[in-house]
């Protein structure tokens, strides 16, 4: 895997050694905005609010059935964890997230997202303890807003990741640890909202669509993420080129812009 591909993979998950580049993480944002909300009042954090996800799937995969909803919610919740933080992601996600994976998440709360990411459920495979979903992403209309106010877009074909759902048996010999105790340093009592589009001016376009209910706690699954980087990666690249045929033939290019890409309405949304 070449360096450009690693840069692409780091953009989204940034949590596995092969996907991480040298970037500082900020696990404890400070400020004066209370982030304690009731589950029914959940609102996505400022870091993702001006971005959306446009989902599709292979024939035979239903975006709206139990598995389709769980896959979409887990993937989006992981993105929020990487920018807003674990303390402001979807209800119930932290309690279902594999703790080893959670400990590797580096949150860039000084950055925010804008535009629309296209995501595609390529396949769902059964495992001995649950199932595994391969998700393709195409991010040429999706940008990171840096602290200097500029936007950066990684223009490339497509990337592959998987979301794995396992029924793990916890007992006295394998206890389920309290994630908030293990990850206590990830639970600041206050949060600083990052500037939005146009240096904080009100944004009246489509915004992040999020479930308000807990989709994870009653599922019985422990969730983790990874990348196969084999046959499914090439299939995701082909899928991405079908959406954006003008991307570089190999690797990626970084586009810098003073304005964000257009944000489209989320699909299918919540």
Protein backbone atom coordinates (compact mmCIF):
# COMPACT_ATOMS: atom_id res chain seq x y z
CA UNK A 1 0.00 0.00 0.00
CA UNK A 2 1.48 3.32 -1.04
CA UNK A 3 1.76 6.49 1.03
CA UNK A 4 -1.15 8.21 -0.71
CA UNK A 5 -3.49 5.36 0.21
CA UNK A 6 -2.40 5.59 3.84
CA UNK A 7 -3.17 9.32 3.84
CA UNK A 8 -6.64 8.59 2.51
CA UNK A 9 -7.35 5.94 5.16
CA UNK A 10 -6.10 8.20 7.96
CA UNK A 11 -8.62 10.88 6.99
CA UNK A 12 -11.57 8.78 8.11
CA UNK A 13 -10.50 6.51 10.95
CA UNK A 14 -7.03 7.52 12.04
CA UNK A 15 -7.11 4.85 14.70
CA UNK A 16 -5.05 1.92 13.45
CA UNK A 17 -1.30 2.08 13.14
CA UNK A 18 -1.28 1.54 9.38
CA UNK A 19 -3.85 4.28 8.97
CA UNK A 20 -2.38 6.92 11.26
CA UNK A 21 -0.16 9.83 10.28
CA UNK A 22 1.64 12.14 12.64
CA UNK A 23 -1.10 14.39 13.99
CA UNK A 24 -1.78 15.66 17.44
CA UNK A 25 -4.91 14.45 19.20
CA UNK A 26 -7.05 16.53 21.48
CA UNK A 27 -8.97 14.29 23.86
CA UNK A 28 -10.09 16.96 26.30
CA UNK A 29 -11.55 20.04 24.67
CA UNK A 30 -12.17 22.93 27.01
CA UNK A 31 -14.72 25.68 27.12
CA UNK A 32 -18.00 26.55 28.71
CA UNK A 33 -20.70 24.75 26.71
CA UNK A 34 -22.47 22.01 28.68
CA UNK A 35 -22.55 18.77 26.65
CA UNK A 36 -24.80 16.79 28.98
CA UNK A 37 -27.97 15.97 27.06
CA UNK A 38 -30.77 13.48 27.46
CA UNK A 39 -30.73 10.59 25.00
CA UNK A 40 -33.98 11.81 23.38
CA UNK A 41 -32.40 15.24 22.88
CA UNK A 42 -29.29 14.05 21.08
CA UNK A 43 -27.77 16.55 18.66
CA UNK A 44 -24.59 15.96 16.64
CA UNK A 45 -21.62 18.09 17.73
CA UNK A 46 -20.48 21.20 15.88
CA UNK A 47 -17.53 19.35 14.35
CA UNK A 48 -19.80 17.30 12.05
CA UNK A 49 -23.00 19.34 11.93
CA UNK A 50 -22.38 20.90 8.50
CA UNK A 51 -21.66 17.55 6.81
CA UNK A 52 -23.87 14.69 5.65
CA UNK A 53 -23.66 11.06 4.56
CA UNK A 54 -25.25 9.77 1.36
CA UNK A 55 -25.62 5.99 1.66
CA UNK A 56 -26.14 3.29 -0.98
CA UNK A 57 -25.83 -0.49 -0.98
CA UNK A 58 -25.38 -3.50 -3.21
CA UNK A 59 -28.56 -5.25 -4.43
CA UNK A 60 -30.07 -7.36 -1.67
CA UNK A 61 -28.79 -5.13 1.15
CA UNK A 62 -31.47 -3.00 2.80
CA UNK A 63 -30.30 0.32 4.26
CA UNK A 64 -33.45 0.48 6.39
CA UNK A 65 -33.59 -2.98 7.98
CA UNK A 66 -32.04 -3.73 11.39
CA UNK A 67 -28.60 -4.54 10.02
CA UNK A 68 -28.56 -1.69 7.55
CA UNK A 69 -29.45 0.81 10.26
CA UNK A 70 -26.90 -0.67 12.68
CA UNK A 71 -24.10 -0.55 10.10
CA UNK A 72 -24.85 3.04 9.13
CA UNK A 73 -25.17 4.18 12.73
CA UNK A 74 -21.94 2.51 13.83
CA UNK A 75 -19.96 3.97 10.94
CA UNK A 76 -21.30 7.49 11.44
CA UNK A 77 -20.78 7.23 15.21
CA UNK A 78 -17.13 6.33 14.63
CA UNK A 79 -16.69 9.43 12.46
CA UNK A 80 -18.19 11.62 15.18
CA UNK A 81 -15.86 10.02 17.75
CA UNK A 82 -12.86 10.95 15.60
CA UNK A 83 -13.82 14.63 15.42
CA UNK A 84 -16.30 15.53 18.17
CA UNK A 85 -15.19 12.90 20.68
CA UNK A 86 -16.54 9.75 22.29
CA UNK A 87 -18.54 11.80 24.78
CA UNK A 88 -20.72 13.36 22.03
CA UNK A 89 -21.25 10.43 19.66
CA UNK A 90 -24.49 8.48 19.09
CA UNK A 91 -26.40 7.21 22.15
CA UNK A 92 -25.22 3.76 23.26
CA UNK A 93 -22.27 3.57 20.87
CA UNK A 94 -19.58 3.81 23.52
CA UNK A 95 -21.15 0.99 25.53
CA UNK A 96 -21.04 -1.29 22.46
CA UNK A 97 -17.63 -0.22 21.15
CA UNK A 98 -14.67 -2.57 21.55
CA UNK A 99 -12.54 -0.94 24.25
CA UNK A 100 -9.21 -1.78 22.62
CA UNK A 101 -10.35 0.01 19.48
CA UNK A 102 -11.75 2.92 21.52
CA UNK A 103 -8.41 3.44 23.25
CA UNK A 104 -6.78 4.04 19.85
CA UNK A 105 -9.15 6.76 18.68
CA UNK A 106 -7.42 10.12 18.32
CA UNK A 107 -9.95 12.97 18.32
CA UNK A 108 -9.26 16.15 16.32
CA UNK A 109 -11.84 18.41 17.94
CA UNK A 110 -10.14 21.50 16.45
CA UNK A 111 -11.22 20.37 12.99
CA UNK A 112 -14.70 20.09 11.49
CA UNK A 113 -16.31 18.46 8.47
CA UNK A 114 -18.27 19.92 5.57
CA UNK A 115 -19.82 18.64 2.37
CA UNK A 116 -21.21 15.18 1.65
CA UNK A 117 -19.49 11.82 1.93
CA UNK A 118 -20.78 8.97 -0.23
CA UNK A 119 -20.77 5.59 1.54
CA UNK A 120 -21.74 2.18 0.15
CA UNK A 121 -22.37 -1.11 1.93
CA UNK A 122 -20.51 -3.48 -0.37
CA UNK A 123 -21.19 -6.75 1.39
CA UNK A 124 -22.30 -8.35 4.63
CA UNK A 125 -20.71 -11.64 5.64
CA UNK A 126 -21.69 -13.96 8.49
CA UNK A 127 -19.12 -14.79 11.17
CA UNK A 128 -19.07 -17.31 14.01
CA UNK A 129 -20.09 -14.60 16.48
CA UNK A 130 -22.09 -12.15 14.38
CA UNK A 131 -21.49 -10.44 11.06
CA UNK A 132 -19.07 -8.16 9.24
CA UNK A 133 -19.98 -5.37 6.84
CA UNK A 134 -17.64 -3.91 4.24
CA UNK A 135 -18.19 -0.17 3.71
CA UNK A 136 -16.80 1.79 0.77
CA UNK A 137 -16.35 5.57 1.01
CA UNK A 138 -15.89 8.23 -1.66
CA UNK A 139 -14.81 11.57 -0.18
CA UNK A 140 -14.18 13.89 -3.13
CA UNK A 141 -17.10 16.10 -2.04
CA UNK A 142 -16.19 15.97 1.64
CA UNK A 143 -13.79 18.37 3.36
CA UNK A 144 -11.98 18.93 6.63
CA UNK A 145 -12.07 22.49 7.92
CA UNK A 146 -8.74 23.26 9.57
CA UNK A 147 -8.22 25.75 12.41
CA UNK A 148 -6.90 28.32 9.91
CA UNK A 149 -10.35 28.39 8.28
CA UNK A 150 -9.35 26.64 5.06
CA UNK A 151 -10.86 23.43 3.71
CA UNK A 152 -8.93 20.39 2.53
CA UNK A 153 -10.38 17.67 0.33
CA UNK A 154 -8.73 14.33 -0.40
CA UNK A 155 -9.59 13.56 -4.02
CA UNK A 156 -9.23 9.84 -4.73
CA UNK A 157 -11.13 6.84 -6.03
CA UNK A 158 -12.49 5.13 -2.93
CA UNK A 159 -11.51 3.47 0.31
CA UNK A 160 -12.56 0.34 2.15
CA UNK A 161 -13.24 -0.33 5.81
CA UNK A 162 -15.19 -2.96 7.67
CA UNK A 163 -17.49 -2.77 10.66
CA UNK A 164 -17.64 -5.99 12.66
CA UNK A 165 -20.42 -6.92 15.08
CA UNK A 166 -19.63 -9.71 17.54
CA UNK A 167 -21.62 -11.38 20.28
CA UNK A 168 -19.00 -11.49 23.04
CA UNK A 169 -19.70 -13.54 26.17
CA UNK A 170 -18.71 -11.60 29.26
CA UNK A 171 -18.29 -13.41 32.57
CA UNK A 172 -16.10 -13.42 35.68
CA UNK A 173 -13.13 -14.51 33.58
CA UNK A 174 -13.86 -12.00 30.81
CA UNK A 175 -15.68 -9.07 32.44
CA UNK A 176 -17.08 -6.18 30.45
CA UNK A 177 -15.29 -3.13 31.81
CA UNK A 178 -17.12 0.13 32.30
CA UNK A 179 -16.01 2.17 29.25
CA UNK A 180 -16.45 5.49 31.03
CA UNK A 181 -14.10 4.37 33.77
CA UNK A 182 -11.49 3.04 31.34
CA UNK A 183 -11.90 6.05 29.04
CA UNK A 184 -12.55 8.62 31.75
CA UNK A 185 -10.08 11.08 30.23
CA UNK A 186 -12.32 11.16 27.12
CA UNK A 187 -15.24 12.60 29.09
CA UNK A 188 -14.62 16.32 29.55
CA UNK A 189 -17.37 18.17 31.36
CA UNK A 190 -17.36 21.01 28.83
CA UNK A 191 -16.82 21.43 25.11
CA UNK A 192 -15.63 24.18 22.81
CA UNK A 193 -17.65 24.44 19.62
CA UNK A 194 -15.49 24.87 16.53
CA UNK A 195 -16.29 27.60 14.01
CA UNK A 196 -18.77 26.61 11.32
CA UNK A 197 -19.06 27.60 7.71
CA UNK A 198 -18.13 31.22 6.89
CA UNK A 199 -16.33 31.81 10.18
CA UNK A 200 -19.24 31.01 12.41
CA UNK A 201 -22.06 32.65 10.45
CA UNK A 202 -25.38 30.74 10.63
CA UNK A 203 -25.52 27.80 8.24
CA UNK A 204 -28.87 27.21 6.55
CA UNK A 205 -28.02 24.23 4.31
CA UNK A 206 -28.55 20.51 4.93
CA UNK A 207 -27.04 19.28 8.17
CA UNK A 208 -25.97 15.99 9.75
CA UNK A 209 -28.85 13.58 10.25
CA UNK A 210 -28.63 11.50 13.43
CA UNK A 211 -30.73 8.90 15.24
CA UNK A 212 -32.07 10.10 18.56
CA UNK A 213 -32.65 6.60 19.98
CA UNK A 214 -30.03 4.12 21.22
CA UNK A 215 -29.59 1.55 18.43
CA UNK A 216 -26.71 -0.28 20.07
CA UNK A 217 -27.34 -1.27 23.69
CA UNK A 218 -30.09 -3.82 23.00
CA UNK A 219 -28.36 -5.30 19.96
CA UNK A 220 -26.07 -7.50 22.05
CA UNK A 221 -23.10 -6.73 19.79
CA UNK A 222 -19.60 -5.52 20.52
CA UNK A 223 -18.44 -3.34 17.62
CA UNK A 224 -15.00 -2.89 16.11
CA UNK A 225 -13.54 -1.54 12.85
CA UNK A 226 -10.71 -2.36 10.51
CA UNK A 227 -9.57 -2.54 6.88
CA UNK A 228 -8.97 -5.60 4.69
CA UNK A 229 -6.95 -3.79 1.99
CA UNK A 230 -7.30 -6.69 -0.39
CA UNK A 231 -9.97 -7.70 -2.90
CA UNK A 232 -12.66 -5.57 -1.25
CA UNK A 233 -10.39 -2.51 -1.37
CA UNK A 234 -10.12 -2.83 -5.14
CA UNK A 235 -13.89 -3.26 -5.44
CA UNK A 236 -14.36 -0.08 -3.40
CA UNK A 237 -11.91 1.77 -5.64
CA UNK A 238 -13.87 0.65 -8.71
CA UNK A 239 -17.13 1.75 -7.08
CA UNK A 240 -15.63 5.14 -6.23
CA UNK A 241 -14.41 5.73 -9.78
CA UNK A 242 -17.92 4.98 -10.98
CA UNK A 243 -19.11 7.97 -8.94
CA UNK A 244 -16.14 10.26 -9.62
CA UNK A 245 -14.44 9.18 -12.87
CA UNK A 246 -12.08 12.17 -12.91
CA UNK A 247 -10.16 11.21 -9.75
CA UNK A 248 -6.42 10.50 -10.04
CA UNK A 249 -5.63 7.16 -11.66
CA UNK A 250 -3.44 6.27 -8.68
CA UNK A 251 -3.11 7.67 -5.19
CA UNK A 252 -4.79 10.92 -4.25
CA UNK A 253 -4.50 14.67 -4.49
CA UNK A 254 -5.21 17.22 -1.78
CA UNK A 255 -7.40 20.14 -2.82
CA UNK A 256 -7.26 23.29 -0.68
CA UNK A 257 -10.15 25.73 -0.81
CA UNK A 258 -11.33 28.77 1.16
CA UNK A 259 -14.95 27.60 0.79
CA UNK A 260 -16.54 24.24 1.62
CA UNK A 261 -18.00 21.81 -0.92
CA UNK A 262 -21.77 21.79 -1.30
CA UNK A 263 -23.61 19.79 1.37
CA UNK A 264 -26.42 17.57 0.05
CA UNK A 265 -29.32 16.21 2.11
CA UNK A 266 -28.47 13.03 3.98
CA UNK A 267 -29.83 9.76 2.57
CA UNK A 268 -31.68 7.80 3.80
CA UNK A 269 -31.23 9.82 6.99
CA UNK A 270 -32.79 9.05 10.35
